[in-house]
C-alpha atoms as a PDB file:
ATOM      1  CA  MET A   1     -22.722  89.985  18.284  1.00  0.00           C
ATOM      2  CA  LYS A   2     -25.266  88.342  20.553  1.00  0.00           C
ATOM      3  CA  ASN A   3     -24.451  88.117  24.245  1.00  0.00           C
ATOM      4  CA  ASP A   4     -24.815  84.731  25.920  1.00  0.00           C
ATOM      5  CA  THR A   5     -26.104  85.880  29.323  1.00  0.00           C
ATOM      6  CA  ALA A   6     -25.782  82.453  30.961  1.00  0.00           C
ATOM      7  CA  HIS A   7     -22.158  82.240  29.842  1.00  0.00           C
ATOM      8  CA  MET A   8     -21.434  85.782  31.006  1.00  0.00           C
ATOM      9  CA  GLU A   9     -22.834  85.125  34.470  1.00  0.00           C
ATOM     10  CA  HIS A  10     -20.919  81.851  34.708  1.00  0.00           C
ATOM     11  CA  SER A  11     -17.601  83.332  33.645  1.00  0.00           C
ATOM     12  CA  GLN A  12     -17.840  86.713  35.365  1.00  0.00           C
ATOM     13  CA  ARG A  13     -15.100  87.252  37.953  1.00  0.00           C
ATOM     14  CA  GLY A  14     -15.918  89.709  40.673  1.00  0.00           C
ATOM     15  CA  GLY A  15     -15.608  90.567  44.317  1.00  0.00           C
ATOM     16  CA  GLY A  16     -11.846  91.020  44.160  1.00  0.00           C
ATOM     17  CA  ASP A  17     -11.166  87.468  42.955  1.00  0.00           C
ATOM     18  CA  VAL A  18      -7.682  86.929  41.573  1.00  0.00           C
ATOM     19  CA  VAL A  19      -7.748  85.366  38.126  1.00  0.00           C
ATOM     20  CA  GLU A  20      -4.899  82.896  37.849  1.00  0.00           C
ATOM     21  CA  LYS A  21      -5.624  81.799  34.284  1.00  0.00           C
ATOM     22  CA  LEU A  22      -8.125  83.013  31.697  1.00  0.00           C
ATOM     23  CA  GLU A  23      -9.185  80.088  29.508  1.00  0.00           C
ATOM     24  CA  LEU A  24     -10.539  80.314  25.975  1.00  0.00           C
ATOM     25  CA  GLY A  25     -14.277  80.934  26.215  1.00  0.00           C
ATOM     26  CA  GLU A  26     -14.068  82.549  29.656  1.00  0.00           C
ATOM     27  CA  MET A  27     -14.594  86.247  30.179  1.00  0.00           C
ATOM     28  CA  ILE A  28     -13.612  88.697  32.886  1.00  0.00           C
ATOM     29  CA  THR A  29     -16.176  91.447  33.369  1.00  0.00           C
ATOM     30  CA  ILE A  30     -15.337  94.665  35.198  1.00  0.00           C
ATOM     31  CA  ARG A  31     -18.496  96.673  35.849  1.00  0.00           C
ATOM     32  CA  ALA A  32     -17.969 100.428  35.444  1.00  0.00           C
ATOM     33  CA  SER A  33     -21.624 101.350  35.936  1.00  0.00           C
ATOM     34  CA  LYS A  34     -25.091  99.858  35.510  1.00  0.00           C
ATOM     35  CA  LYS A  35     -24.862 100.505  31.785  1.00  0.00           C
ATOM     36  CA  GLN A  36     -21.160 100.044  31.001  1.00  0.00           C
ATOM     37  CA  GLU A  37     -18.495  97.407  31.600  1.00  0.00           C
ATOM     38  CA  LEU A  38     -15.044  96.319  30.405  1.00  0.00           C
ATOM     39  CA  ARG A  39     -14.709  92.732  29.158  1.00  0.00           C
ATOM     40  CA  LEU A  40     -11.472  90.789  28.759  1.00  0.00           C
ATOM     41  CA  TYR A  41     -11.404  87.552  26.777  1.00  0.00           C
ATOM     42  CA  TRP A  42      -9.220  85.462  24.439  1.00  0.00           C
ATOM     43  CA  SER A  43     -10.207  84.979  20.814  1.00  0.00           C
ATOM     44  CA  ASP A  44      -8.790  83.205  17.783  1.00  0.00           C
ATOM     45  CA  PHE A  45      -8.351  85.603  14.877  1.00  0.00           C
ATOM     46  CA  SER A  46      -7.117  83.919  11.675  1.00  0.00           C
ATOM     47  CA  GLY A  47      -5.211  81.299  13.666  1.00  0.00           C
ATOM     48  CA  SER A  48      -3.639  83.824  16.038  1.00  0.00           C
ATOM     49  CA  TRP A  49      -4.639  84.088  19.725  1.00  0.00           C
ATOM     50  CA  ARG A  50      -5.451  87.601  20.875  1.00  0.00           C
ATOM     51  CA  LEU A  51      -6.477  89.129  24.197  1.00  0.00           C
ATOM     52  CA  ASN A  52      -9.452  91.454  23.694  1.00  0.00           C
ATOM     53  CA  LEU A  53     -10.254  94.322  26.054  1.00  0.00           C
ATOM     54  CA  ARG A  54     -13.460  96.026  25.010  1.00  0.00           C
ATOM     55  CA  THR A  55     -16.004  98.390  26.533  1.00  0.00           C
ATOM     56  CA  TRP A  56     -19.613  97.135  26.375  1.00  0.00           C
ATOM     57  CA  TYR A  57     -22.834  99.095  26.955  1.00  0.00           C
ATOM     58  CA  VAL A  58     -26.522  98.343  27.474  1.00  0.00           C
ATOM     59  CA  ASP A  59     -28.483  99.124  24.309  1.00  0.00           C
ATOM     60  CA  PRO A  60     -31.303 101.449  25.421  1.00  0.00           C
ATOM     61  CA  GLU A  61     -33.774  99.983  22.909  1.00  0.00           C
ATOM     62  CA  SER A  62     -33.203  96.244  23.416  1.00  0.00           C
ATOM     63  CA  GLY A  63     -31.705  96.215  26.912  1.00  0.00           C
ATOM     64  CA  GLU A  64     -28.970  93.841  25.620  1.00  0.00           C
ATOM     65  CA  TRP A  65     -25.242  94.254  26.184  1.00  0.00           C
ATOM     66  CA  ARG A  66     -23.410  95.323  23.007  1.00  0.00           C
ATOM     67  CA  PRO A  67     -19.721  96.003  22.246  1.00  0.00           C
ATOM     68  CA  THR A  68     -18.513  99.527  21.532  1.00  0.00           C
ATOM     69  CA  LYS A  69     -15.738 100.522  19.140  1.00  0.00           C
ATOM     70  CA  ARG A  70     -13.608 101.398  22.187  1.00  0.00           C
ATOM     71  CA  GLY A  71     -11.222  98.566  22.857  1.00  0.00           C
ATOM     72  CA  VAL A  72      -8.036  96.836  21.876  1.00  0.00           C
ATOM     73  CA  SER A  73      -6.996  93.400  20.666  1.00  0.00           C
ATOM     74  CA  LEU A  74      -3.473  92.369  21.683  1.00  0.00           C
ATOM     75  CA  SER A  75      -1.279  89.606  20.287  1.00  0.00           C
ATOM     76  CA  HIS A  76       0.922  87.648  22.716  1.00  0.00           C
ATOM     77  CA  ARG A  77       3.886  89.817  21.663  1.00  0.00           C
ATOM     78  CA  ASP A  78       1.964  93.075  22.187  1.00  0.00           C
ATOM     79  CA  LEU A  79       0.601  91.855  25.519  1.00  0.00           C
ATOM     80  CA  ALA A  80       4.122  90.969  26.695  1.00  0.00           C
ATOM     81  CA  MET A  81       5.337  94.464  25.774  1.00  0.00           C
ATOM     82  CA  VAL A  82       2.426  96.105  27.622  1.00  0.00           C
ATOM     83  CA  LEU A  83       3.030  93.987  30.740  1.00  0.00           C
ATOM     84  CA  GLU A  84       6.766  94.726  30.652  1.00  0.00           C
ATOM     85  CA  SER A  85       6.040  98.454  30.347  1.00  0.00           C
ATOM     86  CA  LEU A  86       3.591  98.328  33.250  1.00  0.00           C
ATOM     87  CA  ASP A  87       6.209  96.517  35.348  1.00  0.00           C
ATOM     88  CA  ARG A  88       8.646  99.370  34.752  1.00  0.00           C
ATOM     89  CA  LEU A  89       6.075 102.062  35.504  1.00  0.00           C
ATOM     90  CA  GLU A  90       7.138 103.680  38.772  1.00  0.00           C
ATOM     91  CA  SER A  91       4.440 106.282  39.192  1.00  0.00           C
ATOM     92  CA  PRO A  92       1.820 108.096  37.088  1.00  0.00           C
ATOM     93  CA  GLY A  93       3.365 110.049  34.254  1.00  0.00           C
ATOM     94  CA  ARG A  94       6.712 108.232  34.343  1.00  0.00           C
ATOM     95  CA  LEU A  95       6.237 106.018  31.267  1.00  0.00           C
ATOM     96  CA  THR A  96       7.856 107.313  28.066  1.00  0.00           C
ATOM     97  CA  ILE A  97       6.377 106.109  24.791  1.00  0.00           C
ATOM     98  CA  ARG A  98       8.613 106.262  21.728  1.00  0.00           C
ATOM     99  CA  PRO A  99       7.435 105.705  18.153  1.00  0.00           C
ATOM    100  CA  GLN A 100       8.736 102.454  16.642  1.00  0.00           C
ATOM    101  CA  ASP A 101       9.581 104.039  13.286  1.00  0.00           C
ATOM    102  CA  SER A 102      11.273 107.328  14.078  1.00  0.00           C
ATOM    103  CA  GLU A 103      12.783 109.312  11.241  1.00  0.00           C
ATOM    104  CA  SER A 104      15.998 111.127  12.135  1.00  0.00           C
END
């Protein structure tokens, strides 16, 4: 996956800006360090819109940003469940996760 640097610089949100709406083709970049960042962006996967959250790193040989395997792709339904769970989270360690298919 080749990184479009001009697009990344154009769509990067920083300095504490509040993102009201993330459009298709835009990207939110959260810099963790000089060599690692988290990117959030919408994609179309087989006709289904998904929110991607992926860690990217600077390739030491080429100096280009590349995606890692660390990340998640959420459907609208999954994203809604995550946001609802975060809303109910009162303090660290208070969220209980239960398996969907529990055998009794």
